[in-house]
Amino acid sequence: MFVIGNFIGALATLIDFVLTAYMWIIIGRALISWVNPDPYNPIVRFLREVTDPVLRRINRFVPLAAGGIDFSPMLLIAAIIFLRGFLVPTLQRFAMSLG
């Protein structure tokens, strides 16, 4: 059983890393939205291609607030923080209980 426990522990670590990296990508996307970035810049295109699908789904349920402020990046970051605080420790404890 320790092999499965090690696998789940490694999976928890990988999920934590991916969620942290995606959170920083969202923060970068939010920061570049405050300026007028070149839409043909490869970094800007990457940030938009990676974050737009998820942010569009959130925008369907939470429209823009008064003043045109987009709260979808903040909601997505809150969801990532929740997953990092709930899912990752749960997987780690489950892995420790297996071996």
PDB file of N, CA and C in Angstrom:
ATOM      1  N   MET A   1       0.809  -1.205   0.000  1.00  0.00           N
ATOM      2  CA  MET A   1       0.000   0.000   0.000  1.00  0.00           C
ATOM      3  C   MET A   1       0.848   1.262   0.000  1.00  0.00           C
ATOM      4  N   PHE A   2       2.117   1.141   0.437  1.00  0.00           N
ATOM      5  CA  PHE A   2       2.945   2.339   0.512  1.00  0.00           C
ATOM      6  C   PHE A   2       3.202   2.931  -0.868  1.00  0.00           C
ATOM      7  N   VAL A   3       3.166   2.103  -1.916  1.00  0.00           N
ATOM      8  CA  VAL A   3       3.383   2.607  -3.273  1.00  0.00           C
ATOM      9  C   VAL A   3       2.236   3.527  -3.664  1.00  0.00           C
ATOM     10  N   ILE A   4       1.023   3.135  -3.350  1.00  0.00           N
ATOM     11  CA  ILE A   4      -0.138   3.976  -3.648  1.00  0.00           C
ATOM     12  C   ILE A   4      -0.084   5.249  -2.817  1.00  0.00           C
ATOM     13  N   GLY A   5       0.338   5.111  -1.556  1.00  0.00           N
ATOM     14  CA  GLY A   5       0.488   6.286  -0.703  1.00  0.00           C
ATOM     15  C   GLY A   5       1.511   7.260  -1.247  1.00  0.00           C
ATOM     16  N   ASN A   6       2.638   6.737  -1.714  1.00  0.00           N
ATOM     17  CA  ASN A   6       3.664   7.607  -2.321  1.00  0.00           C
ATOM     18  C   ASN A   6       3.144   8.262  -3.597  1.00  0.00           C
ATOM     19  N   PHE A   7       2.401   7.509  -4.389  1.00  0.00           N
ATOM     20  CA  PHE A   7       1.834   8.060  -5.620  1.00  0.00           C
ATOM     21  C   PHE A   7       0.875   9.201  -5.307  1.00  0.00           C
ATOM     22  N   ILE A   8       0.002   8.999  -4.332  1.00  0.00           N
ATOM     23  CA  ILE A   8      -0.973  10.037  -3.979  1.00  0.00           C
ATOM     24  C   ILE A   8      -0.261  11.246  -3.369  1.00  0.00           C
ATOM     25  N   GLY A   9       0.780  11.018  -2.584  1.00  0.00           N
ATOM     26  CA  GLY A   9       1.562  12.129  -2.046  1.00  0.00           C
ATOM     27  C   GLY A   9       2.232  12.940  -3.140  1.00  0.00           C
ATOM     28  N   ALA A  10       2.797  12.241  -4.114  1.00  0.00           N
ATOM     29  CA  ALA A  10       3.422  12.934  -5.247  1.00  0.00           C
ATOM     30  C   ALA A  10       2.382  13.681  -6.076  1.00  0.00           C
ATOM     31  N   LEU A  11       1.216  13.073  -6.228  1.00  0.00           N
ATOM     32  CA  LEU A  11       0.134  13.731  -6.954  1.00  0.00           C
ATOM     33  C   LEU A  11      -0.308  15.003  -6.231  1.00  0.00           C
ATOM     34  N   ALA A  12      -0.383  14.962  -4.908  1.00  0.00           N
ATOM     35  CA  ALA A  12      -0.750  16.148  -4.132  1.00  0.00           C
ATOM     36  C   ALA A  12       0.283  17.256  -4.318  1.00  0.00           C
ATOM     37  N   THR A  13       1.551  16.892  -4.316  1.00  0.00           N
ATOM     38  CA  THR A  13       2.609  17.878  -4.525  1.00  0.00           C
ATOM     39  C   THR A  13       2.522  18.485  -5.917  1.00  0.00           C
ATOM     40  N   LEU A  14       2.266  17.657  -6.918  1.00  0.00           N
ATOM     41  CA  LEU A  14       2.133  18.144  -8.289  1.00  0.00           C
ATOM     42  C   LEU A  14       0.932  19.068  -8.433  1.00  0.00           C
ATOM     43  N   ILE A  15      -0.190  18.697  -7.850  1.00  0.00           N
ATOM     44  CA  ILE A  15      -1.392  19.544  -7.899  1.00  0.00           C
ATOM     45  C   ILE A  15      -1.117  20.881  -7.238  1.00  0.00           C
ATOM     46  N   ASP A  16      -0.420  20.862  -6.095  1.00  0.00           N
ATOM     47  CA  ASP A  16      -0.084  22.104  -5.411  1.00  0.00           C
ATOM     48  C   ASP A  16       0.791  22.989  -6.287  1.00  0.00           C
ATOM     49  N   PHE A  17       1.777  22.402  -6.954  1.00  0.00           N
ATOM     50  CA  PHE A  17       2.657  23.170  -7.836  1.00  0.00           C
ATOM     51  C   PHE A  17       1.891  23.770  -9.007  1.00  0.00           C
ATOM     52  N   VAL A  18       1.041  22.973  -9.641  1.00  0.00           N
ATOM     53  CA  VAL A  18       0.278  23.456 -10.804  1.00  0.00           C
ATOM     54  C   VAL A  18      -0.679  24.573 -10.388  1.00  0.00           C
ATOM     55  N   LEU A  19      -1.351  24.410  -9.253  1.00  0.00           N
ATOM     56  CA  LEU A  19      -2.275  25.450  -8.784  1.00  0.00           C
ATOM     57  C   LEU A  19      -1.536  26.733  -8.444  1.00  0.00           C
ATOM     58  N   THR A  20      -0.362  26.614  -7.833  1.00  0.00           N
ATOM     59  CA  THR A  20       0.428  27.803  -7.509  1.00  0.00           C
ATOM     60  C   THR A  20       0.901  28.508  -8.778  1.00  0.00           C
ATOM     61  N   ALA A  21       1.389  27.747  -9.735  1.00  0.00           N
ATOM     62  CA  ALA A  21       1.843  28.343 -10.994  1.00  0.00           C
ATOM     63  C   ALA A  21       0.691  29.023 -11.726  1.00  0.00           C
ATOM     64  N   TYR A  22      -0.479  28.378 -11.740  1.00  0.00           N
ATOM     65  CA  TYR A  22      -1.639  28.968 -12.423  1.00  0.00           C
ATOM     66  C   TYR A  22      -2.100  30.233 -11.710  1.00  0.00           C
ATOM     67  N   MET A  23      -1.986  30.263 -10.385  1.00  0.00           N
ATOM     68  CA  MET A  23      -2.351  31.465  -9.652  1.00  0.00           C
ATOM     69  C   MET A  23      -1.444  32.628 -10.047  1.00  0.00           C
ATOM     70  N   TRP A  24      -0.151  32.367 -10.195  1.00  0.00           N
ATOM     71  CA  TRP A  24       0.761  33.427 -10.610  1.00  0.00           C
ATOM     72  C   TRP A  24       0.515  33.856 -12.056  1.00  0.00           C
ATOM     73  N   ILE A  25       0.097  32.937 -12.891  1.00  0.00           N
ATOM     74  CA  ILE A  25      -0.256  33.297 -14.271  1.00  0.00           C
ATOM     75  C   ILE A  25      -1.479  34.217 -14.270  1.00  0.00           C
ATOM     76  N   ILE A  26      -2.446  33.932 -13.422  1.00  0.00           N
ATOM     77  CA  ILE A  26      -3.635  34.780 -13.323  1.00  0.00           C
ATOM     78  C   ILE A  26      -3.255  36.165 -12.802  1.00  0.00           C
ATOM     79  N   ILE A  27      -2.366  36.214 -11.821  1.00  0.00           N
ATOM     80  CA  ILE A  27      -1.920  37.506 -11.301  1.00  0.00           C
ATOM     81  C   ILE A  27      -1.210  38.292 -12.401  1.00  0.00           C
ATOM     82  N   GLY A  28      -0.365  37.621 -13.176  1.00  0.00           N
ATOM     83  CA  GLY A  28       0.293  38.283 -14.300  1.00  0.00           C
ATOM     84  C   GLY A  28      -0.702  38.793 -15.321  1.00  0.00           C
ATOM     85  N   ARG A  29      -1.719  38.007 -15.595  1.00  0.00           N
ATOM     86  CA  ARG A  29      -2.765  38.433 -16.532  1.00  0.00           C
ATOM     87  C   ARG A  29      -3.494  39.663 -16.012  1.00  0.00           C
ATOM     88  N   ALA A  30      -3.799  39.672 -14.701  1.00  0.00           N
ATOM     89  CA  ALA A  30      -4.488  40.825 -14.120  1.00  0.00           C
ATOM     90  C   ALA A  30      -3.606  42.074 -14.180  1.00  0.00           C
ATOM     91  N   LEU A  31      -2.315  41.905 -13.945  1.00  0.00           N
ATOM     92  CA  LEU A  31      -1.410  43.055 -13.976  1.00  0.00           C
ATOM     93  C   LEU A  31      -1.279  43.641 -15.375  1.00  0.00           C
ATOM     94  N   ILE A  32      -1.192  42.775 -16.392  1.00  0.00           N
ATOM     95  CA  ILE A  32      -1.057  43.329 -17.748  1.00  0.00           C
ATOM     96  C   ILE A  32      -2.356  43.944 -18.240  1.00  0.00           C
ATOM     97  N   SER A  33      -3.476  43.592 -17.606  1.00  0.00           N
ATOM     98  CA  SER A  33      -4.741  44.197 -18.036  1.00  0.00           C
ATOM     99  C   SER A  33      -4.844  45.656 -17.598  1.00  0.00           C
ATOM    100  N   TRP A  34      -3.983  46.084 -16.689  1.00  0.00           N
ATOM    101  CA  TRP A  34      -4.012  47.475 -16.233  1.00  0.00           C
ATOM    102  C   TRP A  34      -3.306  48.415 -17.203  1.00  0.00           C
ATOM    103  N   VAL A  35      -2.492  47.870 -18.088  1.00  0.00           N
ATOM    104  CA  VAL A  35      -1.798  48.680 -19.088  1.00  0.00           C
ATOM    105  C   VAL A  35      -2.339  48.304 -20.459  1.00  0.00           C
ATOM    106  N   ASN A  36      -1.859  48.950 -21.460  1.00  0.00           N
ATOM    107  CA  ASN A  36      -2.289  48.647 -22.822  1.00  0.00           C
ATOM    108  C   ASN A  36      -1.220  47.772 -23.471  1.00  0.00           C
ATOM    109  N   PRO A  37      -1.288  46.433 -23.252  1.00  0.00           N
ATOM    110  CA  PRO A  37      -0.214  45.571 -23.770  1.00  0.00           C
ATOM    111  C   PRO A  37      -0.346  45.357 -25.274  1.00  0.00           C
ATOM    112  N   ASP A  38       0.761  45.043 -25.882  1.00  0.00           N
ATOM    113  CA  ASP A  38       0.780  44.689 -27.293  1.00  0.00           C
ATOM    114  C   ASP A  38       0.130  43.316 -27.449  1.00  0.00           C
ATOM    115  N   PRO A  39      -0.997  43.229 -28.167  1.00  0.00           N
ATOM    116  CA  PRO A  39      -1.681  41.931 -28.284  1.00  0.00           C
ATOM    117  C   PRO A  39      -0.886  40.888 -29.055  1.00  0.00           C
ATOM    118  N   TYR A  40       0.162  41.304 -29.755  1.00  0.00           N
ATOM    119  CA  TYR A  40       0.976  40.349 -30.512  1.00  0.00           C
ATOM    120  C   TYR A  40       2.209  39.882 -29.743  1.00  0.00           C
ATOM    121  N   ASN A  41       2.395  40.395 -28.534  1.00  0.00           N
ATOM    122  CA  ASN A  41       3.505  39.960 -27.695  1.00  0.00           C
ATOM    123  C   ASN A  41       3.264  38.507 -27.301  1.00  0.00           C
ATOM    124  N   PRO A  42       4.261  37.645 -27.452  1.00  0.00           N
ATOM    125  CA  PRO A  42       4.056  36.215 -27.138  1.00  0.00           C
ATOM    126  C   PRO A  42       3.678  35.968 -25.675  1.00  0.00           C
ATOM    127  N   ILE A  43       4.206  36.764 -24.760  1.00  0.00           N
ATOM    128  CA  ILE A  43       3.864  36.579 -23.346  1.00  0.00           C
ATOM    129  C   ILE A  43       2.403  36.941 -23.104  1.00  0.00           C
ATOM    130  N   VAL A  44       1.968  38.038 -23.681  1.00  0.00           N
ATOM    131  CA  VAL A  44       0.575  38.467 -23.526  1.00  0.00           C
ATOM    132  C   VAL A  44      -0.355  37.429 -24.153  1.00  0.00           C
ATOM    133  N   ARG A  45       0.002  36.946 -25.320  1.00  0.00           N
ATOM    134  CA  ARG A  45      -0.824  35.926 -25.969  1.00  0.00           C
ATOM    135  C   ARG A  45      -0.895  34.656 -25.140  1.00  0.00           C
ATOM    136  N   PHE A  46       0.236  34.231 -24.557  1.00  0.00           N
ATOM    137  CA  PHE A  46       0.247  33.049 -23.708  1.00  0.00           C
ATOM    138  C   PHE A  46      -0.659  33.238 -22.497  1.00  0.00           C
ATOM    139  N   LEU A  47      -0.519  34.367 -21.818  1.00  0.00           N
ATOM    140  CA  LEU A  47      -1.333  34.624 -20.629  1.00  0.00           C
ATOM    141  C   LEU A  47      -2.822  34.616 -20.958  1.00  0.00           C
ATOM    142  N   ARG A  48      -3.177  35.203 -22.080  1.00  0.00           N
ATOM    143  CA  ARG A  48      -4.594  35.237 -22.467  1.00  0.00           C
ATOM    144  C   ARG A  48      -5.100  33.856 -22.884  1.00  0.00           C
ATOM    145  N   GLU A  49      -4.298  33.118 -23.627  1.00  0.00           N
ATOM    146  CA  GLU A  49      -4.740  31.794 -24.074  1.00  0.00           C
ATOM    147  C   GLU A  49      -4.915  30.828 -22.914  1.00  0.00           C
ATOM    148  N   VAL A  50      -4.091  30.968 -21.892  1.00  0.00           N
ATOM    149  CA  VAL A  50      -4.149  30.055 -20.758  1.00  0.00           C
ATOM    150  C   VAL A  50      -5.278  30.418 -19.791  1.00  0.00           C
ATOM    151  N   THR A  51      -5.560  31.711 -19.653  1.00  0.00           N
ATOM    152  CA  THR A  51      -6.538  32.126 -18.646  1.00  0.00           C
ATOM    153  C   THR A  51      -7.934  32.420 -19.202  1.00  0.00           C
ATOM    154  N   ASP A  52      -8.047  32.771 -20.457  1.00  0.00           N
ATOM    155  CA  ASP A  52      -9.351  33.155 -21.009  1.00  0.00           C
ATOM    156  C   ASP A  52     -10.432  32.080 -20.879  1.00  0.00           C
ATOM    157  N   PRO A  53     -10.153  30.817 -21.171  1.00  0.00           N
ATOM    158  CA  PRO A  53     -11.243  29.834 -21.071  1.00  0.00           C
ATOM    159  C   PRO A  53     -11.865  29.754 -19.670  1.00  0.00           C
ATOM    160  N   VAL A  54     -11.035  29.786 -18.645  1.00  0.00           N
ATOM    161  CA  VAL A  54     -11.559  29.688 -17.279  1.00  0.00           C
ATOM    162  C   VAL A  54     -12.244  30.989 -16.876  1.00  0.00           C
ATOM    163  N   LEU A  55     -11.631  32.117 -17.218  1.00  0.00           N
ATOM    164  CA  LEU A  55     -12.221  33.403 -16.836  1.00  0.00           C
ATOM    165  C   LEU A  55     -13.545  33.655 -17.558  1.00  0.00           C
ATOM    166  N   ARG A  56     -13.659  33.192 -18.789  1.00  0.00           N
ATOM    167  CA  ARG A  56     -14.933  33.341 -19.506  1.00  0.00           C
ATOM    168  C   ARG A  56     -16.049  32.560 -18.835  1.00  0.00           C
ATOM    169  N   ARG A  57     -15.730  31.363 -18.336  1.00  0.00           N
ATOM    170  CA  ARG A  57     -16.743  30.570 -17.624  1.00  0.00           C
ATOM    171  C   ARG A  57     -17.204  31.278 -16.368  1.00  0.00           C
ATOM    172  N   ILE A  58     -16.283  31.886 -15.656  1.00  0.00           N
ATOM    173  CA  ILE A  58     -16.656  32.622 -14.446  1.00  0.00           C
ATOM    174  C   ILE A  58     -17.476  33.853 -14.816  1.00  0.00           C
ATOM    175  N   ASN A  59     -17.113  34.536 -15.894  1.00  0.00           N
ATOM    176  CA  ASN A  59     -17.842  35.742 -16.310  1.00  0.00           C
ATOM    177  C   ASN A  59     -19.278  35.444 -16.730  1.00  0.00           C
ATOM    178  N   ARG A  60     -19.553  34.214 -17.134  1.00  0.00           N
ATOM    179  CA  ARG A  60     -20.934  33.858 -17.467  1.00  0.00           C
ATOM    180  C   ARG A  60     -21.830  33.914 -16.232  1.00  0.00           C
ATOM    181  N   PHE A  61     -21.261  33.576 -15.074  1.00  0.00           N
ATOM    182  CA  PHE A  61     -22.045  33.546 -13.845  1.00  0.00           C
ATOM    183  C   PHE A  61     -21.937  34.841 -13.046  1.00  0.00           C
ATOM    184  N   VAL A  62     -20.815  35.524 -13.156  1.00  0.00           N
ATOM    185  CA  VAL A  62     -20.600  36.767 -12.420  1.00  0.00           C
ATOM    186  C   VAL A  62     -20.306  37.866 -13.436  1.00  0.00           C
ATOM    187  N   PRO A  63     -21.311  38.667 -13.783  1.00  0.00           N
ATOM    188  CA  PRO A  63     -21.073  39.728 -14.767  1.00  0.00           C
ATOM    189  C   PRO A  63     -20.201  40.840 -14.179  1.00  0.00           C
ATOM    190  N   LEU A  64     -19.775  41.741 -15.035  1.00  0.00           N
ATOM    191  CA  LEU A  64     -18.962  42.862 -14.579  1.00  0.00           C
ATOM    192  C   LEU A  64     -19.744  43.702 -13.582  1.00  0.00           C
ATOM    193  N   ALA A  65     -19.056  44.160 -12.566  1.00  0.00           N
ATOM    194  CA  ALA A  65     -19.693  44.987 -11.539  1.00  0.00           C
ATOM    195  C   ALA A  65     -19.768  46.432 -12.027  1.00  0.00           C
ATOM    196  N   ALA A  66     -20.363  47.272 -11.219  1.00  0.00           N
ATOM    197  CA  ALA A  66     -20.468  48.697 -11.552  1.00  0.00           C
ATOM    198  C   ALA A  66     -19.062  49.272 -11.736  1.00  0.00           C
ATOM    199  N   GLY A  67     -18.895  50.050 -12.737  1.00  0.00           N
ATOM    200  CA  GLY A  67     -17.597  50.640 -13.017  1.00  0.00           C
ATOM    201  C   GLY A  67     -16.729  49.778 -13.906  1.00  0.00           C
ATOM    202  N   GLY A  68     -17.229  48.635 -14.340  1.00  0.00           N
ATOM    203  CA  GLY A  68     -16.488  47.782 -15.251  1.00  0.00           C
ATOM    204  C   GLY A  68     -15.362  46.994 -14.617  1.00  0.00           C
ATOM    205  N   ILE A  69     -15.433  46.770 -13.313  1.00  0.00           N
ATOM    206  CA  ILE A  69     -14.394  46.005 -12.638  1.00  0.00           C
ATOM    207  C   ILE A  69     -14.669  44.519 -12.820  1.00  0.00           C
ATOM    208  N   ASP A  70     -13.668  43.805 -13.278  1.00  0.00           N
ATOM    209  CA  ASP A  70     -13.797  42.369 -13.513  1.00  0.00           C
ATOM    210  C   ASP A  70     -13.295  41.623 -12.280  1.00  0.00           C
ATOM    211  N   PHE A  71     -14.214  40.960 -11.583  1.00  0.00           N
ATOM    212  CA  PHE A  71     -13.854  40.234 -10.371  1.00  0.00           C
ATOM    213  C   PHE A  71     -13.517  38.771 -10.647  1.00  0.00           C
ATOM    214  N   SER A  72     -13.575  38.329 -11.891  1.00  0.00           N
ATOM    215  CA  SER A  72     -13.332  36.919 -12.186  1.00  0.00           C
ATOM    216  C   SER A  72     -11.921  36.455 -11.821  1.00  0.00           C
ATOM    217  N   PRO A  73     -10.855  37.251 -12.037  1.00  0.00           N
ATOM    218  CA  PRO A  73      -9.539  36.766 -11.590  1.00  0.00           C
ATOM    219  C   PRO A  73      -9.472  36.588 -10.075  1.00  0.00           C
ATOM    220  N   MET A  74     -10.103  37.490  -9.341  1.00  0.00           N
ATOM    221  CA  MET A  74     -10.083  37.382  -7.890  1.00  0.00           C
ATOM    222  C   MET A  74     -10.868  36.156  -7.421  1.00  0.00           C
ATOM    223  N   LEU A  75     -11.979  35.876  -8.070  1.00  0.00           N
ATOM    224  CA  LEU A  75     -12.754  34.686  -7.719  1.00  0.00           C
ATOM    225  C   LEU A  75     -11.991  33.408  -8.059  1.00  0.00           C
ATOM    226  N   LEU A  76     -11.303  33.414  -9.172  1.00  0.00           N
ATOM    227  CA  LEU A  76     -10.510  32.245  -9.555  1.00  0.00           C
ATOM    228  C   LEU A  76      -9.345  32.029  -8.593  1.00  0.00           C
ATOM    229  N   ILE A  77      -8.710  33.100  -8.169  1.00  0.00           N
ATOM    230  CA  ILE A  77      -7.621  32.973  -7.196  1.00  0.00           C
ATOM    231  C   ILE A  77      -8.170  32.462  -5.870  1.00  0.00           C
ATOM    232  N   ALA A  78      -9.346  32.924  -5.469  1.00  0.00           N
ATOM    233  CA  ALA A  78      -9.959  32.430  -4.234  1.00  0.00           C
ATOM    234  C   ALA A  78     -10.253  30.932  -4.342  1.00  0.00           C
ATOM    235  N   ALA A  79     -10.721  30.489  -5.503  1.00  0.00           N
ATOM    236  CA  ALA A  79     -10.984  29.062  -5.700  1.00  0.00           C
ATOM    237  C   ALA A  79      -9.682  28.252  -5.645  1.00  0.00           C
ATOM    238  N   ILE A  80      -8.618  28.790  -6.209  1.00  0.00           N
ATOM    239  CA  ILE A  80      -7.326  28.100  -6.166  1.00  0.00           C
ATOM    240  C   ILE A  80      -6.816  28.015  -4.730  1.00  0.00           C
ATOM    241  N   ILE A  81      -6.961  29.096  -3.966  1.00  0.00           N
ATOM    242  CA  ILE A  81      -6.535  29.077  -2.564  1.00  0.00           C
ATOM    243  C   ILE A  81      -7.342  28.045  -1.784  1.00  0.00           C
ATOM    244  N   PHE A  82      -8.641  27.953  -2.078  1.00  0.00           N
ATOM    245  CA  PHE A  82      -9.462  26.938  -1.416  1.00  0.00           C
ATOM    246  C   PHE A  82      -8.972  25.534  -1.757  1.00  0.00           C
ATOM    247  N   LEU A  83      -8.706  25.273  -3.027  1.00  0.00           N
ATOM    248  CA  LEU A  83      -8.234  23.951  -3.435  1.00  0.00           C
ATOM    249  C   LEU A  83      -6.877  23.630  -2.817  1.00  0.00           C
ATOM    250  N   ARG A  84      -6.006  24.630  -2.741  1.00  0.00           N
ATOM    251  CA  ARG A  84      -4.698  24.395  -2.118  1.00  0.00           C
ATOM    252  C   ARG A  84      -4.823  24.165  -0.623  1.00  0.00           C
ATOM    253  N   GLY A  85      -5.836  24.743  -0.006  1.00  0.00           N
ATOM    254  CA  GLY A  85      -6.015  24.565   1.428  1.00  0.00           C
ATOM    255  C   GLY A  85      -6.840  23.349   1.807  1.00  0.00           C
ATOM    256  N   PHE A  86      -7.633  22.830   0.877  1.00  0.00           N
ATOM    257  CA  PHE A  86      -8.488  21.686   1.172  1.00  0.00           C
ATOM    258  C   PHE A  86      -8.029  20.419   0.461  1.00  0.00           C
ATOM    259  N   LEU A  87      -7.925  20.471  -0.853  1.00  0.00           N
ATOM    260  CA  LEU A  87      -7.637  19.279  -1.639  1.00  0.00           C
ATOM    261  C   LEU A  87      -6.223  18.750  -1.386  1.00  0.00           C
ATOM    262  N   VAL A  88      -5.246  19.621  -1.420  1.00  0.00           N
ATOM    263  CA  VAL A  88      -3.854  19.183  -1.278  1.00  0.00           C
ATOM    264  C   VAL A  88      -3.595  18.565   0.097  1.00  0.00           C
ATOM    265  N   PRO A  89      -3.982  19.222   1.217  1.00  0.00           N
ATOM    266  CA  PRO A  89      -3.754  18.565   2.520  1.00  0.00           C
ATOM    267  C   PRO A  89      -4.551  17.273   2.691  1.00  0.00           C
ATOM    268  N   THR A  90      -5.747  17.219   2.114  1.00  0.00           N
ATOM    269  CA  THR A  90      -6.540  15.992   2.196  1.00  0.00           C
ATOM    270  C   THR A  90      -5.829  14.852   1.493  1.00  0.00           C
ATOM    271  N   LEU A  91      -5.301  15.105   0.306  1.00  0.00           N
ATOM    272  CA  LEU A  91      -4.558  14.072  -0.414  1.00  0.00           C
ATOM    273  C   LEU A  91      -3.287  13.676   0.336  1.00  0.00           C
ATOM    274  N   GLN A  92      -2.608  14.650   0.928  1.00  0.00           N
ATOM    275  CA  GLN A  92      -1.388  14.342   1.670  1.00  0.00           C
ATOM    276  C   GLN A  92      -1.683  13.477   2.896  1.00  0.00           C
ATOM    277  N   ARG A  93      -2.730  13.799   3.629  1.00  0.00           N
ATOM    278  CA  ARG A  93      -3.074  12.994   4.802  1.00  0.00           C
ATOM    279  C   ARG A  93      -3.527  11.595   4.403  1.00  0.00           C
ATOM    280  N   PHE A  94      -4.260  11.514   3.299  1.00  0.00           N
ATOM    281  CA  PHE A  94      -4.683  10.215   2.803  1.00  0.00           C
ATOM    282  C   PHE A  94      -3.457   9.378   2.424  1.00  0.00           C
ATOM    283  N   ALA A  95      -2.479  10.030   1.794  1.00  0.00           N
ATOM    284  CA  ALA A  95      -1.260   9.330   1.407  1.00  0.00           C
ATOM    285  C   ALA A  95      -0.500   8.850   2.646  1.00  0.00           C
ATOM    286  N   MET A  96      -0.437   9.673   3.676  1.00  0.00           N
ATOM    287  CA  MET A  96       0.261   9.259   4.906  1.00  0.00           C
ATOM    288  C   MET A  96      -0.459   8.101   5.596  1.00  0.00           C
ATOM    289  N   SER A  97      -1.789   8.086   5.505  1.00  0.00           N
ATOM    290  CA  SER A  97      -2.527   7.002   6.156  1.00  0.00           C
ATOM    291  C   SER A  97      -2.338   5.674   5.414  1.00  0.00           C
ATOM    292  N   LEU A  98      -1.991   5.739   4.131  1.00  0.00           N
ATOM    293  CA  LEU A  98      -1.775   4.516   3.366  1.00  0.00           C
ATOM    294  C   LEU A  98      -0.384   3.923   3.581  1.00  0.00           C
ATOM    295  N   GLY A  99       0.517   4.722   4.053  1.00  0.00           N
ATOM    296  CA  GLY A  99       1.806   4.091   4.255  1.00  0.00           C
ATOM    297  C   GLY A  99       2.861   5.049   4.553  1.00  0.00           C
TER     298      GLY A  99
END
